[in-house]
Amino acid sequence: MSTQICLRFVIDGIRDTMDHYRDGALPLHRLSWELHSRINTLVPHAPAVWIDQLRDLHRRIAEVHARGETGALGELERRQLEDSLRRLRAALESAYRDQL
């Protein structure tokens, strides 16, 4: 599979995963796991700087998930999660423009 096809496939999968979470069809723990797995799939196909950016955004989401396991998410956690998802989507859109 070519690098561009793989990037497009995995990026589409990440966006679909985020959409399913926002639609309520995917719980937060599954979102975090899916993002981790899909970002790792990108490692041999994408620049390290971009992978680091995606991993940082995933870490923010994973931290919110970890805090949510001890109780309901508060307003601050929900805002952090939404901000991270918004930034992740922007990073993915940027990759589409720059790489594909």
N, C-alpha and C. Protein backbone atom coordinates (compact mmCIF):
# COMPACT_ATOMS: atom_id res chain seq x y z
N MET A 1 0.86 -1.18 0.00
CA MET A 1 0.00 0.00 0.00
C MET A 1 0.90 1.23 0.00
N SER A 2 0.62 2.18 -0.86
CA SER A 2 1.44 3.38 -0.92
C SER A 2 1.23 4.23 0.34
N THR A 3 2.22 5.07 0.60
CA THR A 3 2.16 5.94 1.78
C THR A 3 0.95 6.85 1.74
N GLN A 4 0.67 7.44 0.59
CA GLN A 4 -0.47 8.35 0.51
C GLN A 4 -1.80 7.63 0.74
N ILE A 5 -1.93 6.44 0.20
CA ILE A 5 -3.17 5.68 0.40
C ILE A 5 -3.32 5.30 1.86
N CYS A 6 -2.22 4.87 2.48
CA CYS A 6 -2.26 4.50 3.89
C CYS A 6 -2.61 5.71 4.75
N LEU A 7 -1.98 6.86 4.48
CA LEU A 7 -2.29 8.08 5.23
C LEU A 7 -3.77 8.43 5.11
N ARG A 8 -4.27 8.41 3.91
CA ARG A 8 -5.68 8.75 3.69
C ARG A 8 -6.60 7.78 4.43
N PHE A 9 -6.30 6.50 4.36
CA PHE A 9 -7.11 5.48 5.00
C PHE A 9 -7.13 5.67 6.53
N VAL A 10 -5.95 5.88 7.11
CA VAL A 10 -5.87 6.01 8.57
C VAL A 10 -6.46 7.35 9.04
N ILE A 11 -6.20 8.41 8.31
CA ILE A 11 -6.76 9.71 8.67
C ILE A 11 -8.29 9.67 8.60
N ASP A 12 -8.81 9.07 7.56
CA ASP A 12 -10.27 8.91 7.46
C ASP A 12 -10.81 8.11 8.64
N GLY A 13 -10.08 7.08 9.04
CA GLY A 13 -10.49 6.28 10.19
C GLY A 13 -10.50 7.08 11.48
N ILE A 14 -9.50 7.93 11.66
CA ILE A 14 -9.46 8.78 12.86
C ILE A 14 -10.64 9.75 12.86
N ARG A 15 -10.90 10.35 11.72
CA ARG A 15 -12.04 11.28 11.64
C ARG A 15 -13.36 10.57 11.89
N ASP A 16 -13.52 9.37 11.33
CA ASP A 16 -14.74 8.59 11.57
C ASP A 16 -14.89 8.25 13.05
N THR A 17 -13.78 7.89 13.69
CA THR A 17 -13.80 7.57 15.12
C THR A 17 -14.26 8.77 15.93
N MET A 18 -13.72 9.94 15.61
CA MET A 18 -14.13 11.16 16.33
C MET A 18 -15.61 11.46 16.09
N ASP A 19 -16.06 11.27 14.86
CA ASP A 19 -17.48 11.50 14.55
C ASP A 19 -18.38 10.54 15.34
N HIS A 20 -17.97 9.29 15.43
CA HIS A 20 -18.76 8.31 16.19
C HIS A 20 -18.81 8.68 17.66
N TYR A 21 -17.70 9.19 18.19
CA TYR A 21 -17.71 9.63 19.59
C TYR A 21 -18.68 10.80 19.77
N ARG A 22 -18.58 11.78 18.89
CA ARG A 22 -19.45 12.96 19.00
C ARG A 22 -20.92 12.60 18.81
N ASP A 23 -21.20 11.57 18.03
CA ASP A 23 -22.58 11.13 17.82
C ASP A 23 -23.11 10.28 18.97
N GLY A 24 -22.23 9.97 19.93
CA GLY A 24 -22.63 9.16 21.07
C GLY A 24 -22.56 7.66 20.82
N ALA A 25 -21.98 7.27 19.69
CA ALA A 25 -21.91 5.85 19.33
C ALA A 25 -20.64 5.18 19.83
N LEU A 26 -19.76 5.93 20.46
CA LEU A 26 -18.48 5.40 20.91
C LEU A 26 -18.16 5.99 22.28
N PRO A 27 -17.88 5.16 23.28
CA PRO A 27 -17.53 5.69 24.60
C PRO A 27 -16.12 6.28 24.61
N LEU A 28 -15.85 7.11 25.59
CA LEU A 28 -14.57 7.81 25.67
C LEU A 28 -13.39 6.85 25.74
N HIS A 29 -13.50 5.75 26.49
CA HIS A 29 -12.38 4.82 26.58
C HIS A 29 -12.06 4.20 25.23
N ARG A 30 -13.07 3.96 24.44
CA ARG A 30 -12.87 3.38 23.11
C ARG A 30 -12.28 4.43 22.16
N LEU A 31 -12.73 5.67 22.26
CA LEU A 31 -12.14 6.75 21.47
C LEU A 31 -10.65 6.84 21.74
N SER A 32 -10.27 6.85 23.01
CA SER A 32 -8.87 6.96 23.37
C SER A 32 -8.06 5.80 22.80
N TRP A 33 -8.57 4.58 22.93
CA TRP A 33 -7.87 3.41 22.42
C TRP A 33 -7.74 3.46 20.89
N GLU A 34 -8.83 3.81 20.22
CA GLU A 34 -8.81 3.89 18.75
C GLU A 34 -7.79 4.93 18.27
N LEU A 35 -7.78 6.09 18.91
CA LEU A 35 -6.83 7.13 18.50
C LEU A 35 -5.40 6.64 18.69
N HIS A 36 -5.12 6.05 19.83
CA HIS A 36 -3.78 5.52 20.10
C HIS A 36 -3.35 4.54 19.02
N SER A 37 -4.22 3.59 18.70
CA SER A 37 -3.90 2.56 17.72
C SER A 37 -3.70 3.15 16.33
N ARG A 38 -4.58 4.04 15.94
CA ARG A 38 -4.49 4.59 14.59
C ARG A 38 -3.29 5.53 14.42
N ILE A 39 -2.99 6.30 15.44
CA ILE A 39 -1.82 7.18 15.37
C ILE A 39 -0.55 6.34 15.26
N ASN A 40 -0.47 5.25 16.01
CA ASN A 40 0.70 4.37 15.91
C ASN A 40 0.83 3.78 14.51
N THR A 41 -0.28 3.53 13.85
CA THR A 41 -0.25 3.01 12.48
C THR A 41 0.39 4.01 11.52
N LEU A 42 0.27 5.29 11.82
CA LEU A 42 0.82 6.32 10.95
C LEU A 42 2.33 6.48 11.04
N VAL A 43 2.94 5.96 12.10
CA VAL A 43 4.36 6.23 12.38
C VAL A 43 5.28 6.01 11.18
N PRO A 44 5.22 4.88 10.48
CA PRO A 44 6.17 4.71 9.37
C PRO A 44 5.81 5.52 8.11
N HIS A 45 4.67 6.19 8.13
CA HIS A 45 4.19 6.85 6.91
C HIS A 45 4.13 8.37 7.00
N ALA A 46 4.45 8.94 8.14
CA ALA A 46 4.26 10.38 8.32
C ALA A 46 5.46 10.99 9.04
N PRO A 47 5.65 12.29 8.88
CA PRO A 47 6.77 12.96 9.55
C PRO A 47 6.65 12.87 11.07
N ALA A 48 7.79 12.70 11.72
CA ALA A 48 7.83 12.54 13.18
C ALA A 48 7.23 13.74 13.90
N VAL A 49 7.43 14.92 13.38
CA VAL A 49 6.90 16.13 14.03
C VAL A 49 5.38 16.07 14.07
N TRP A 50 4.78 15.65 13.00
CA TRP A 50 3.32 15.55 12.95
C TRP A 50 2.82 14.44 13.87
N ILE A 51 3.52 13.31 13.88
CA ILE A 51 3.15 12.21 14.78
C ILE A 51 3.22 12.68 16.23
N ASP A 52 4.26 13.42 16.57
CA ASP A 52 4.38 13.96 17.94
C ASP A 52 3.21 14.87 18.29
N GLN A 53 2.78 15.68 17.33
CA GLN A 53 1.63 16.56 17.55
C GLN A 53 0.37 15.73 17.82
N LEU A 54 0.15 14.70 17.00
CA LEU A 54 -1.02 13.85 17.18
C LEU A 54 -0.96 13.11 18.52
N ARG A 55 0.22 12.63 18.87
CA ARG A 55 0.37 11.91 20.14
C ARG A 55 0.12 12.83 21.33
N ASP A 56 0.57 14.08 21.22
CA ASP A 56 0.33 15.03 22.30
C ASP A 56 -1.18 15.26 22.47
N LEU A 57 -1.88 15.41 21.37
CA LEU A 57 -3.33 15.60 21.45
C LEU A 57 -4.01 14.34 22.00
N HIS A 58 -3.53 13.18 21.60
CA HIS A 58 -4.09 11.95 22.16
C HIS A 58 -3.84 11.88 23.66
N ARG A 59 -2.65 12.25 24.11
CA ARG A 59 -2.36 12.23 25.55
C ARG A 59 -3.34 13.10 26.32
N ARG A 60 -3.67 14.24 25.76
CA ARG A 60 -4.65 15.12 26.43
C ARG A 60 -6.00 14.43 26.55
N ILE A 61 -6.40 13.74 25.50
CA ILE A 61 -7.67 13.01 25.52
C ILE A 61 -7.59 11.85 26.52
N ALA A 62 -6.47 11.14 26.54
CA ALA A 62 -6.30 10.01 27.47
C ALA A 62 -6.32 10.49 28.93
N GLU A 63 -5.76 11.67 29.18
CA GLU A 63 -5.77 12.22 30.54
C GLU A 63 -7.20 12.54 30.98
N VAL A 64 -7.98 13.10 30.09
CA VAL A 64 -9.38 13.38 30.41
C VAL A 64 -10.10 12.05 30.68
N HIS A 65 -9.84 11.06 29.85
CA HIS A 65 -10.45 9.75 30.06
C HIS A 65 -10.08 9.19 31.43
N ALA A 66 -8.81 9.29 31.81
CA ALA A 66 -8.36 8.77 33.11
C ALA A 66 -9.06 9.49 34.26
N ARG A 67 -9.21 10.79 34.14
CA ARG A 67 -9.92 11.54 35.19
C ARG A 67 -11.39 11.17 35.23
N GLY A 68 -11.96 10.87 34.08
CA GLY A 68 -13.37 10.50 34.00
C GLY A 68 -13.67 9.13 34.57
N GLU A 69 -12.66 8.27 34.66
CA GLU A 69 -12.87 6.94 35.22
C GLU A 69 -13.18 6.99 36.71
N THR A 70 -12.78 8.06 37.37
CA THR A 70 -13.03 8.18 38.81
C THR A 70 -14.34 8.91 39.10
N GLY A 71 -15.03 9.35 38.10
CA GLY A 71 -16.31 10.04 38.27
C GLY A 71 -16.72 10.69 36.96
N ALA A 72 -17.81 11.39 37.00
CA ALA A 72 -18.31 12.07 35.80
C ALA A 72 -17.36 13.20 35.41
N LEU A 73 -17.30 13.47 34.12
CA LEU A 73 -16.48 14.57 33.64
C LEU A 73 -17.11 15.89 34.05
N GLY A 74 -16.26 16.78 34.54
CA GLY A 74 -16.71 18.11 34.88
C GLY A 74 -16.65 19.02 33.66
N GLU A 75 -17.07 20.24 33.85
CA GLU A 75 -17.08 21.21 32.75
C GLU A 75 -15.67 21.42 32.19
N LEU A 76 -14.68 21.54 33.05
CA LEU A 76 -13.29 21.74 32.61
C LEU A 76 -12.83 20.56 31.74
N GLU A 77 -13.09 19.34 32.18
CA GLU A 77 -12.68 18.17 31.41
C GLU A 77 -13.39 18.11 30.06
N ARG A 78 -14.68 18.43 30.05
CA ARG A 78 -15.42 18.43 28.78
C ARG A 78 -14.85 19.47 27.81
N ARG A 79 -14.50 20.65 28.34
CA ARG A 79 -13.90 21.68 27.48
C ARG A 79 -12.53 21.25 26.96
N GLN A 80 -11.72 20.63 27.84
CA GLN A 80 -10.41 20.14 27.41
C GLN A 80 -10.54 19.08 26.33
N LEU A 81 -11.51 18.20 26.51
CA LEU A 81 -11.74 17.15 25.53
C LEU A 81 -12.17 17.75 24.20
N GLU A 82 -13.12 18.65 24.22
CA GLU A 82 -13.59 19.28 22.98
C GLU A 82 -12.47 20.06 22.30
N ASP A 83 -11.65 20.76 23.07
CA ASP A 83 -10.52 21.50 22.50
C ASP A 83 -9.54 20.54 21.85
N SER A 84 -9.24 19.43 22.51
CA SER A 84 -8.31 18.45 21.95
C SER A 84 -8.86 17.84 20.67
N LEU A 85 -10.14 17.51 20.65
CA LEU A 85 -10.75 16.95 19.45
C LEU A 85 -10.76 17.96 18.31
N ARG A 86 -11.03 19.21 18.63
CA ARG A 86 -11.01 20.27 17.61
C ARG A 86 -9.60 20.41 17.02
N ARG A 87 -8.59 20.43 17.88
CA ARG A 87 -7.20 20.55 17.42
C ARG A 87 -6.77 19.33 16.62
N LEU A 88 -7.21 18.16 17.05
CA LEU A 88 -6.87 16.94 16.33
C LEU A 88 -7.47 16.97 14.93
N ARG A 89 -8.72 17.38 14.83
CA ARG A 89 -9.36 17.48 13.52
C ARG A 89 -8.63 18.49 12.63
N ALA A 90 -8.21 19.61 13.20
CA ALA A 90 -7.47 20.63 12.44
C ALA A 90 -6.12 20.06 11.95
N ALA A 91 -5.45 19.30 12.80
CA ALA A 91 -4.18 18.69 12.40
C ALA A 91 -4.38 17.69 11.27
N LEU A 92 -5.47 16.95 11.32
CA LEU A 92 -5.77 16.00 10.26
C LEU A 92 -6.11 16.71 8.95
N GLU A 93 -6.87 17.78 9.04
CA GLU A 93 -7.21 18.55 7.84
C GLU A 93 -5.95 19.14 7.22
N SER A 94 -5.05 19.61 8.05
CA SER A 94 -3.79 20.16 7.58
C SER A 94 -2.99 19.09 6.83
N ALA A 95 -2.99 17.89 7.35
CA ALA A 95 -2.27 16.79 6.68
C ALA A 95 -2.87 16.51 5.31
N TYR A 96 -4.17 16.56 5.21
CA TYR A 96 -4.82 16.34 3.92
C TYR A 96 -4.37 17.39 2.91
N ARG A 97 -4.32 18.64 3.37
CA ARG A 97 -3.91 19.72 2.46
C ARG A 97 -2.43 19.60 2.09
N ASP A 98 -1.59 19.31 3.07
CA ASP A 98 -0.14 19.34 2.86
C ASP A 98 0.44 18.08 2.24
N GLN A 99 -0.15 16.92 2.51
CA GLN A 99 0.48 15.67 2.14
C GLN A 99 -0.27 14.90 1.06
N LEU A 100 -1.56 15.09 0.99
CA LEU A 100 -2.30 14.20 0.10
C LEU A 100 -2.76 14.88 -1.13
